[in-house]
Amino acid sequence: MCNMKNVTVREVRQEFSRKVEGPLRRGEALVLRKRHEILARIIPEPAAGKAYPDFAARQKKIFGTRRIDLNVGELLRKDRARL
């Protein structure tokens, strides 16, 4: 928490998007001050639901280094031949 940027109330009023919104969107935390007194610590919400899971890592965890050749057409042809 010691590497937070400092923002004054005046800067918030005058330059909200550049001084406050921009850093928050980049995931940076801010300290809001008025006359050198800390009023608040503004911590951004973590991005939720925007990133997909790492499917390649999940597959490697489940199957290891085994090579899995999945040819859907061939599987369907074999399955239909059984009927």
PDB file of N, CA and C in Angstrom:
ATOM      1  N   MET A   1       0.808  -1.195   0.000  1.00  0.00           N
ATOM      2  CA  MET A   1       0.000   0.000   0.000  1.00  0.00           C
ATOM      3  C   MET A   1       0.855   1.264   0.000  1.00  0.00           C
ATOM      4  N   CYS A   2       2.143   1.140   0.199  1.00  0.00           N
ATOM      5  CA  CYS A   2       2.985   2.329   0.293  1.00  0.00           C
ATOM      6  C   CYS A   2       3.294   2.945  -1.060  1.00  0.00           C
ATOM      7  N   ASN A   3       2.983   2.264  -2.159  1.00  0.00           N
ATOM      8  CA  ASN A   3       3.279   2.824  -3.464  1.00  0.00           C
ATOM      9  C   ASN A   3       2.057   3.459  -4.131  1.00  0.00           C
ATOM     10  N   MET A   4       1.100   3.897  -3.343  1.00  0.00           N
ATOM     11  CA  MET A   4      -0.090   4.556  -3.876  1.00  0.00           C
ATOM     12  C   MET A   4       0.251   5.966  -4.324  1.00  0.00           C
ATOM     13  N   LYS A   5      -0.449   6.422  -5.352  1.00  0.00           N
ATOM     14  CA  LYS A   5      -0.284   7.800  -5.802  1.00  0.00           C
ATOM     15  C   LYS A   5      -1.129   8.717  -4.942  1.00  0.00           C
ATOM     16  N   ASN A   6      -0.675   9.957  -4.797  1.00  0.00           N
ATOM     17  CA  ASN A   6      -1.417  10.955  -4.032  1.00  0.00           C
ATOM     18  C   ASN A   6      -2.230  11.821  -4.980  1.00  0.00           C
ATOM     19  N   VAL A   7      -3.449  12.109  -4.600  1.00  0.00           N
ATOM     20  CA  VAL A   7      -4.350  12.957  -5.372  1.00  0.00           C
ATOM     21  C   VAL A   7      -5.004  13.923  -4.403  1.00  0.00           C
ATOM     22  N   THR A   8      -5.069  15.193  -4.780  1.00  0.00           N
ATOM     23  CA  THR A   8      -5.737  16.168  -3.918  1.00  0.00           C
ATOM     24  C   THR A   8      -7.186  16.326  -4.352  1.00  0.00           C
ATOM     25  N   VAL A   9      -7.988  16.888  -3.472  1.00  0.00           N
ATOM     26  CA  VAL A   9      -9.393  17.129  -3.787  1.00  0.00           C
ATOM     27  C   VAL A   9      -9.504  18.062  -4.993  1.00  0.00           C
ATOM     28  N   ARG A  10      -8.644  19.055  -5.075  1.00  0.00           N
ATOM     29  CA  ARG A  10      -8.652  19.984  -6.210  1.00  0.00           C
ATOM     30  C   ARG A  10      -8.412  19.235  -7.529  1.00  0.00           C
ATOM     31  N   GLU A  11      -7.462  18.302  -7.530  1.00  0.00           N
ATOM     32  CA  GLU A  11      -7.184  17.531  -8.743  1.00  0.00           C
ATOM     33  C   GLU A  11      -8.366  16.655  -9.127  1.00  0.00           C
ATOM     34  N   VAL A  12      -9.047  16.124  -8.122  1.00  0.00           N
ATOM     35  CA  VAL A  12     -10.227  15.304  -8.403  1.00  0.00           C
ATOM     36  C   VAL A  12     -11.298  16.144  -9.073  1.00  0.00           C
ATOM     37  N   ARG A  13     -11.514  17.341  -8.582  1.00  0.00           N
ATOM     38  CA  ARG A  13     -12.531  18.220  -9.161  1.00  0.00           C
ATOM     39  C   ARG A  13     -12.167  18.649 -10.574  1.00  0.00           C
ATOM     40  N   GLN A  14     -10.911  19.015 -10.788  1.00  0.00           N
ATOM     41  CA  GLN A  14     -10.502  19.586 -12.068  1.00  0.00           C
ATOM     42  C   GLN A  14     -10.187  18.545 -13.129  1.00  0.00           C
ATOM     43  N   GLU A  15      -9.525  17.478 -12.760  1.00  0.00           N
ATOM     44  CA  GLU A  15      -9.014  16.541 -13.749  1.00  0.00           C
ATOM     45  C   GLU A  15      -9.358  15.102 -13.380  1.00  0.00           C
ATOM     46  N   PHE A  16     -10.641  14.833 -13.206  1.00  0.00           N
ATOM     47  CA  PHE A  16     -11.061  13.519 -12.746  1.00  0.00           C
ATOM     48  C   PHE A  16     -10.572  12.405 -13.666  1.00  0.00           C
ATOM     49  N   SER A  17     -10.834  12.522 -14.972  1.00  0.00           N
ATOM     50  CA  SER A  17     -10.542  11.398 -15.857  1.00  0.00           C
ATOM     51  C   SER A  17      -9.048  11.126 -15.964  1.00  0.00           C
ATOM     52  N   ARG A  18      -8.210  12.151 -15.962  1.00  0.00           N
ATOM     53  CA  ARG A  18      -6.773  11.934 -16.119  1.00  0.00           C
ATOM     54  C   ARG A  18      -6.111  11.524 -14.810  1.00  0.00           C
ATOM     55  N   LYS A  19      -6.451  12.200 -13.711  1.00  0.00           N
ATOM     56  CA  LYS A  19      -5.781  11.966 -12.436  1.00  0.00           C
ATOM     57  C   LYS A  19      -6.379  10.814 -11.622  1.00  0.00           C
ATOM     58  N   VAL A  20      -7.668  10.529 -11.816  1.00  0.00           N
ATOM     59  CA  VAL A  20      -8.320   9.521 -10.976  1.00  0.00           C
ATOM     60  C   VAL A  20      -8.786   8.324 -11.791  1.00  0.00           C
ATOM     61  N   GLU A  21      -9.621   8.568 -12.781  1.00  0.00           N
ATOM     62  CA  GLU A  21     -10.212   7.460 -13.526  1.00  0.00           C
ATOM     63  C   GLU A  21      -9.162   6.638 -14.266  1.00  0.00           C
ATOM     64  N   GLY A  22      -8.225   7.304 -14.903  1.00  0.00           N
ATOM     65  CA  GLY A  22      -7.189   6.593 -15.658  1.00  0.00           C
ATOM     66  C   GLY A  22      -6.391   5.627 -14.803  1.00  0.00           C
ATOM     67  N   PRO A  23      -5.789   6.114 -13.698  1.00  0.00           N
ATOM     68  CA  PRO A  23      -5.037   5.190 -12.840  1.00  0.00           C
ATOM     69  C   PRO A  23      -5.889   4.063 -12.253  1.00  0.00           C
ATOM     70  N   LEU A  24      -7.143   4.362 -11.895  1.00  0.00           N
ATOM     71  CA  LEU A  24      -8.005   3.315 -11.349  1.00  0.00           C
ATOM     72  C   LEU A  24      -8.282   2.240 -12.395  1.00  0.00           C
ATOM     73  N   ARG A  25      -8.507   2.650 -13.625  1.00  0.00           N
ATOM     74  CA  ARG A  25      -8.731   1.673 -14.701  1.00  0.00           C
ATOM     75  C   ARG A  25      -7.487   0.821 -14.953  1.00  0.00           C
ATOM     76  N   ARG A  26      -6.308   1.374 -14.690  1.00  0.00           N
ATOM     77  CA  ARG A  26      -5.062   0.616 -14.850  1.00  0.00           C
ATOM     78  C   ARG A  26      -4.762  -0.252 -13.634  1.00  0.00           C
ATOM     79  N   GLY A  27      -5.622  -0.201 -12.618  1.00  0.00           N
ATOM     80  CA  GLY A  27      -5.453  -1.028 -11.435  1.00  0.00           C
ATOM     81  C   GLY A  27      -4.598  -0.412 -10.351  1.00  0.00           C
ATOM     82  N   GLU A  28      -4.324   0.882 -10.441  1.00  0.00           N
ATOM     83  CA  GLU A  28      -3.497   1.557  -9.442  1.00  0.00           C
ATOM     84  C   GLU A  28      -4.360   2.072  -8.294  1.00  0.00           C
ATOM     85  N   ALA A  29      -3.826   1.994  -7.091  1.00  0.00           N
ATOM     86  CA  ALA A  29      -4.517   2.519  -5.911  1.00  0.00           C
ATOM     87  C   ALA A  29      -4.123   3.984  -5.722  1.00  0.00           C
ATOM     88  N   LEU A  30      -5.019   4.789  -5.154  1.00  0.00           N
ATOM     89  CA  LEU A  30      -4.774   6.216  -4.942  1.00  0.00           C
ATOM     90  C   LEU A  30      -4.999   6.592  -3.482  1.00  0.00           C
ATOM     91  N   VAL A  31      -4.306   7.646  -3.044  1.00  0.00           N
ATOM     92  CA  VAL A  31      -4.546   8.242  -1.732  1.00  0.00           C
ATOM     93  C   VAL A  31      -5.141   9.624  -1.985  1.00  0.00           C
ATOM     94  N   LEU A  32      -6.311   9.895  -1.449  1.00  0.00           N
ATOM     95  CA  LEU A  32      -6.977  11.186  -1.617  1.00  0.00           C
ATOM     96  C   LEU A  32      -6.639  12.065  -0.421  1.00  0.00           C
ATOM     97  N   ARG A  33      -6.075  13.242  -0.690  1.00  0.00           N
ATOM     98  CA  ARG A  33      -5.648  14.151   0.382  1.00  0.00           C
ATOM     99  C   ARG A  33      -6.332  15.506   0.239  1.00  0.00           C
ATOM    100  N   LYS A  34      -6.531  16.163   1.369  1.00  0.00           N
ATOM    101  CA  LYS A  34      -6.988  17.547   1.404  1.00  0.00           C
ATOM    102  C   LYS A  34      -6.141  18.256   2.443  1.00  0.00           C
ATOM    103  N   ARG A  35      -5.383  19.244   1.977  1.00  0.00           N
ATOM    104  CA  ARG A  35      -4.465  19.986   2.854  1.00  0.00           C
ATOM    105  C   ARG A  35      -3.536  19.048   3.620  1.00  0.00           C
ATOM    106  N   HIS A  36      -2.934  18.138   2.917  1.00  0.00           N
ATOM    107  CA  HIS A  36      -1.954  17.183   3.437  1.00  0.00           C
ATOM    108  C   HIS A  36      -2.532  16.173   4.421  1.00  0.00           C
ATOM    109  N   GLU A  37      -3.839  16.153   4.547  1.00  0.00           N
ATOM    110  CA  GLU A  37      -4.489  15.180   5.419  1.00  0.00           C
ATOM    111  C   GLU A  37      -5.104  14.094   4.544  1.00  0.00           C
ATOM    112  N   ILE A  38      -4.841  12.846   4.868  1.00  0.00           N
ATOM    113  CA  ILE A  38      -5.388  11.736   4.096  1.00  0.00           C
ATOM    114  C   ILE A  38      -6.880  11.605   4.389  1.00  0.00           C
ATOM    115  N   LEU A  39      -7.677  11.700   3.323  1.00  0.00           N
ATOM    116  CA  LEU A  39      -9.126  11.546   3.469  1.00  0.00           C
ATOM    117  C   LEU A  39      -9.564  10.119   3.154  1.00  0.00           C
ATOM    118  N   ALA A  40      -8.920   9.511   2.153  1.00  0.00           N
ATOM    119  CA  ALA A  40      -9.353   8.177   1.735  1.00  0.00           C
ATOM    120  C   ALA A  40      -8.265   7.488   0.935  1.00  0.00           C
ATOM    121  N   ARG A  41      -8.364   6.184   0.899  1.00  0.00           N
ATOM    122  CA  ARG A  41      -7.550   5.367   0.018  1.00  0.00           C
ATOM    123  C   ARG A  41      -8.526   4.747  -0.976  1.00  0.00           C
ATOM    124  N   ILE A  42      -8.291   4.987  -2.243  1.00  0.00           N
ATOM    125  CA  ILE A  42      -9.184   4.496  -3.291  1.00  0.00           C
ATOM    126  C   ILE A  42      -8.502   3.309  -3.952  1.00  0.00           C
ATOM    127  N   ILE A  43      -9.123   2.145  -3.819  1.00  0.00           N
ATOM    128  CA  ILE A  43      -8.568   0.914  -4.364  1.00  0.00           C
ATOM    129  C   ILE A  43      -9.523   0.406  -5.439  1.00  0.00           C
ATOM    130  N   PRO A  44      -9.030   0.164  -6.653  1.00  0.00           N
ATOM    131  CA  PRO A  44      -9.912  -0.258  -7.738  1.00  0.00           C
ATOM    132  C   PRO A  44     -10.454  -1.669  -7.541  1.00  0.00           C
ATOM    133  N   GLU A  45     -11.624  -1.896  -8.090  1.00  0.00           N
ATOM    134  CA  GLU A  45     -12.214  -3.225  -8.076  1.00  0.00           C
ATOM    135  C   GLU A  45     -11.442  -4.098  -9.053  1.00  0.00           C
ATOM    136  N   PRO A  46     -11.223  -5.366  -8.707  1.00  0.00           N
ATOM    137  CA  PRO A  46     -10.557  -6.249  -9.658  1.00  0.00           C
ATOM    138  C   PRO A  46     -11.470  -6.500 -10.852  1.00  0.00           C
ATOM    139  N   ALA A  47     -10.860  -6.618 -12.013  1.00  0.00           N
ATOM    140  CA  ALA A  47     -11.631  -6.893 -13.232  1.00  0.00           C
ATOM    141  C   ALA A  47     -12.286  -8.264 -13.093  1.00  0.00           C
ATOM    142  N   ALA A  48     -13.592  -8.309 -13.242  1.00  0.00           N
ATOM    143  CA  ALA A  48     -14.313  -9.565 -13.077  1.00  0.00           C
ATOM    144  C   ALA A  48     -14.920 -10.016 -14.392  1.00  0.00           C
ATOM    145  N   GLY A  49     -14.719 -11.271 -14.705  1.00  0.00           N
ATOM    146  CA  GLY A  49     -15.369 -11.871 -15.853  1.00  0.00           C
ATOM    147  C   GLY A  49     -14.839 -11.444 -17.210  1.00  0.00           C
ATOM    148  N   LYS A  50     -13.737 -10.742 -17.263  1.00  0.00           N
ATOM    149  CA  LYS A  50     -13.236 -10.294 -18.549  1.00  0.00           C
ATOM    150  C   LYS A  50     -12.231 -11.271 -19.147  1.00  0.00           C
ATOM    151  N   ALA A  51     -11.537 -11.992 -18.319  1.00  0.00           N
ATOM    152  CA  ALA A  51     -10.506 -12.897 -18.814  1.00  0.00           C
ATOM    153  C   ALA A  51     -11.052 -14.323 -18.868  1.00  0.00           C
ATOM    154  N   TYR A  52     -10.676 -15.029 -19.904  1.00  0.00           N
ATOM    155  CA  TYR A  52     -11.053 -16.431 -20.023  1.00  0.00           C
ATOM    156  C   TYR A  52     -10.081 -17.282 -19.217  1.00  0.00           C
ATOM    157  N   PRO A  53     -10.528 -18.443 -18.755  1.00  0.00           N
ATOM    158  CA  PRO A  53      -9.610 -19.335 -18.058  1.00  0.00           C
ATOM    159  C   PRO A  53      -8.499 -19.798 -19.001  1.00  0.00           C
ATOM    160  N   ASP A  54      -7.393 -20.184 -18.454  1.00  0.00           N
ATOM    161  CA  ASP A  54      -6.277 -20.676 -19.258  1.00  0.00           C
ATOM    162  C   ASP A  54      -6.539 -22.146 -19.578  1.00  0.00           C
ATOM    163  N   PHE A  55      -7.199 -22.390 -20.723  1.00  0.00           N
ATOM    164  CA  PHE A  55      -7.587 -23.747 -21.088  1.00  0.00           C
ATOM    165  C   PHE A  55      -6.381 -24.624 -21.380  1.00  0.00           C
ATOM    166  N   ALA A  56      -5.335 -24.047 -21.961  1.00  0.00           N
ATOM    167  CA  ALA A  56      -4.130 -24.829 -22.266  1.00  0.00           C
ATOM    168  C   ALA A  56      -3.478 -25.321 -20.977  1.00  0.00           C
ATOM    169  N   ALA A  57      -3.409 -24.466 -19.961  1.00  0.00           N
ATOM    170  CA  ALA A  57      -2.824 -24.879 -18.680  1.00  0.00           C
ATOM    171  C   ALA A  57      -3.693 -25.941 -18.014  1.00  0.00           C
ATOM    172  N   ARG A  58      -5.000 -25.783 -18.117  1.00  0.00           N
ATOM    173  CA  ARG A  58      -5.911 -26.771 -17.529  1.00  0.00           C
ATOM    174  C   ARG A  58      -5.737 -28.128 -18.211  1.00  0.00           C
ATOM    175  N   GLN A  59      -5.625 -28.121 -19.552  1.00  0.00           N
ATOM    176  CA  GLN A  59      -5.436 -29.364 -20.292  1.00  0.00           C
ATOM    177  C   GLN A  59      -4.114 -30.019 -19.913  1.00  0.00           C
ATOM    178  N   LYS A  60      -3.058 -29.214 -19.781  1.00  0.00           N
ATOM    179  CA  LYS A  60      -1.754 -29.757 -19.408  1.00  0.00           C
ATOM    180  C   LYS A  60      -1.796 -30.358 -18.007  1.00  0.00           C
ATOM    181  N   LYS A  61      -2.530 -29.726 -17.098  1.00  0.00           N
ATOM    182  CA  LYS A  61      -2.645 -30.240 -15.731  1.00  0.00           C
ATOM    183  C   LYS A  61      -3.371 -31.585 -15.721  1.00  0.00           C
ATOM    184  N   ILE A  62      -4.406 -31.716 -16.537  1.00  0.00           N
ATOM    185  CA  ILE A  62      -5.195 -32.951 -16.555  1.00  0.00           C
ATOM    186  C   ILE A  62      -4.482 -34.063 -17.301  1.00  0.00           C
ATOM    187  N   PHE A  63      -3.973 -33.765 -18.501  1.00  0.00           N
ATOM    188  CA  PHE A  63      -3.437 -34.799 -19.370  1.00  0.00           C
ATOM    189  C   PHE A  63      -1.912 -34.855 -19.402  1.00  0.00           C
ATOM    190  N   GLY A  64      -1.238 -33.894 -18.801  1.00  0.00           N
ATOM    191  CA  GLY A  64       0.218 -33.887 -18.831  1.00  0.00           C
ATOM    192  C   GLY A  64       0.727 -33.556 -20.226  1.00  0.00           C
ATOM    193  N   THR A  65       1.765 -34.247 -20.633  1.00  0.00           N
ATOM    194  CA  THR A  65       2.366 -33.977 -21.945  1.00  0.00           C
ATOM    195  C   THR A  65       1.858 -34.933 -23.017  1.00  0.00           C
ATOM    196  N   ARG A  66       0.880 -35.767 -22.687  1.00  0.00           N
ATOM    197  CA  ARG A  66       0.341 -36.693 -23.682  1.00  0.00           C
ATOM    198  C   ARG A  66      -0.274 -35.926 -24.836  1.00  0.00           C
ATOM    199  N   ARG A  67      -0.062 -36.417 -26.014  1.00  0.00           N
ATOM    200  CA  ARG A  67      -0.631 -35.802 -27.215  1.00  0.00           C
ATOM    201  C   ARG A  67      -2.011 -36.401 -27.431  1.00  0.00           C
ATOM    202  N   ILE A  68      -3.001 -35.550 -27.549  1.00  0.00           N
ATOM    203  CA  ILE A  68      -4.369 -36.002 -27.746  1.00  0.00           C
ATOM    204  C   ILE A  68      -4.817 -35.531 -29.116  1.00  0.00           C
ATOM    205  N   ASP A  69      -4.980 -36.467 -30.014  1.00  0.00           N
ATOM    206  CA  ASP A  69      -5.470 -36.139 -31.342  1.00  0.00           C
ATOM    207  C   ASP A  69      -6.958 -36.422 -31.370  1.00  0.00           C
ATOM    208  N   LEU A  70      -7.711 -35.401 -31.479  1.00  0.00           N
ATOM    209  CA  LEU A  70      -9.155 -35.539 -31.470  1.00  0.00           C
ATOM    210  C   LEU A  70      -9.682 -35.154 -32.839  1.00  0.00           C
ATOM    211  N   ASN A  71     -10.064 -36.146 -33.596  1.00  0.00           N
ATOM    212  CA  ASN A  71     -10.640 -35.927 -34.909  1.00  0.00           C
ATOM    213  C   ASN A  71     -12.123 -36.246 -34.791  1.00  0.00           C
ATOM    214  N   VAL A  72     -12.929 -35.244 -34.688  1.00  0.00           N
ATOM    215  CA  VAL A  72     -14.360 -35.417 -34.431  1.00  0.00           C
ATOM    216  C   VAL A  72     -15.027 -36.197 -35.554  1.00  0.00           C
ATOM    217  N   GLY A  73     -14.652 -35.902 -36.775  1.00  0.00           N
ATOM    218  CA  GLY A  73     -15.247 -36.623 -37.908  1.00  0.00           C
ATOM    219  C   GLY A  73     -14.994 -38.112 -37.836  1.00  0.00           C
ATOM    220  N   GLU A  74     -13.769 -38.470 -37.506  1.00  0.00           N
ATOM    221  CA  GLU A  74     -13.421 -39.888 -37.393  1.00  0.00           C
ATOM    222  C   GLU A  74     -14.174 -40.548 -36.238  1.00  0.00           C
ATOM    223  N   LEU A  75     -14.297 -39.840 -35.109  1.00  0.00           N
ATOM    224  CA  LEU A  75     -15.051 -40.388 -33.980  1.00  0.00           C
ATOM    225  C   LEU A  75     -16.523 -40.611 -34.349  1.00  0.00           C
ATOM    226  N   LEU A  76     -17.122 -39.666 -35.058  1.00  0.00           N
ATOM    227  CA  LEU A  76     -18.522 -39.824 -35.481  1.00  0.00           C
ATOM    228  C   LEU A  76     -18.675 -40.991 -36.446  1.00  0.00           C
ATOM    229  N   ARG A  77     -17.735 -41.141 -37.382  1.00  0.00           N
ATOM    230  CA  ARG A  77     -17.812 -42.213 -38.357  1.00  0.00           C
ATOM    231  C   ARG A  77     -17.732 -43.577 -37.644  1.00  0.00           C
ATOM    232  N   LYS A  78     -16.819 -43.700 -36.668  1.00  0.00           N
ATOM    233  CA  LYS A  78     -16.694 -44.956 -35.934  1.00  0.00           C
ATOM    234  C   LYS A  78     -17.927 -45.233 -35.102  1.00  0.00           C
ATOM    235  N   ASP A  79     -18.482 -44.190 -34.480  1.00  0.00           N
ATOM    236  CA  ASP A  79     -19.675 -44.361 -33.648  1.00  0.00           C
ATOM    237  C   ASP A  79     -20.878 -44.779 -34.498  1.00  0.00           C
ATOM    238  N   ARG A  80     -21.024 -44.180 -35.674  1.00  0.00           N
ATOM    239  CA  ARG A  80     -22.139 -44.518 -36.554  1.00  0.00           C
ATOM    240  C   ARG A  80     -21.999 -45.924 -37.127  1.00  0.00           C
ATOM    241  N   ALA A  81     -20.770 -46.364 -37.287  1.00  0.00           N
ATOM    242  CA  ALA A  81     -20.538 -47.701 -37.835  1.00  0.00           C
ATOM    243  C   ALA A  81     -20.965 -48.769 -36.833  1.00  0.00           C
ATOM    244  N   ARG A  82     -20.942 -48.431 -35.560  1.00  0.00           N
ATOM    245  CA  ARG A  82     -21.349 -49.416 -34.548  1.00  0.00           C
ATOM    246  C   ARG A  82     -22.849 -49.682 -34.608  1.00  0.00           C
ATOM    247  N   LEU A  83     -23.627 -48.747 -35.080  1.00  0.00           N
ATOM    248  CA  LEU A  83     -25.094 -48.906 -35.080  1.00  0.00           C
ATOM    249  C   LEU A  83     -25.526 -49.846 -36.102  1.00  0.00           C
TER     250      LEU A  83
END
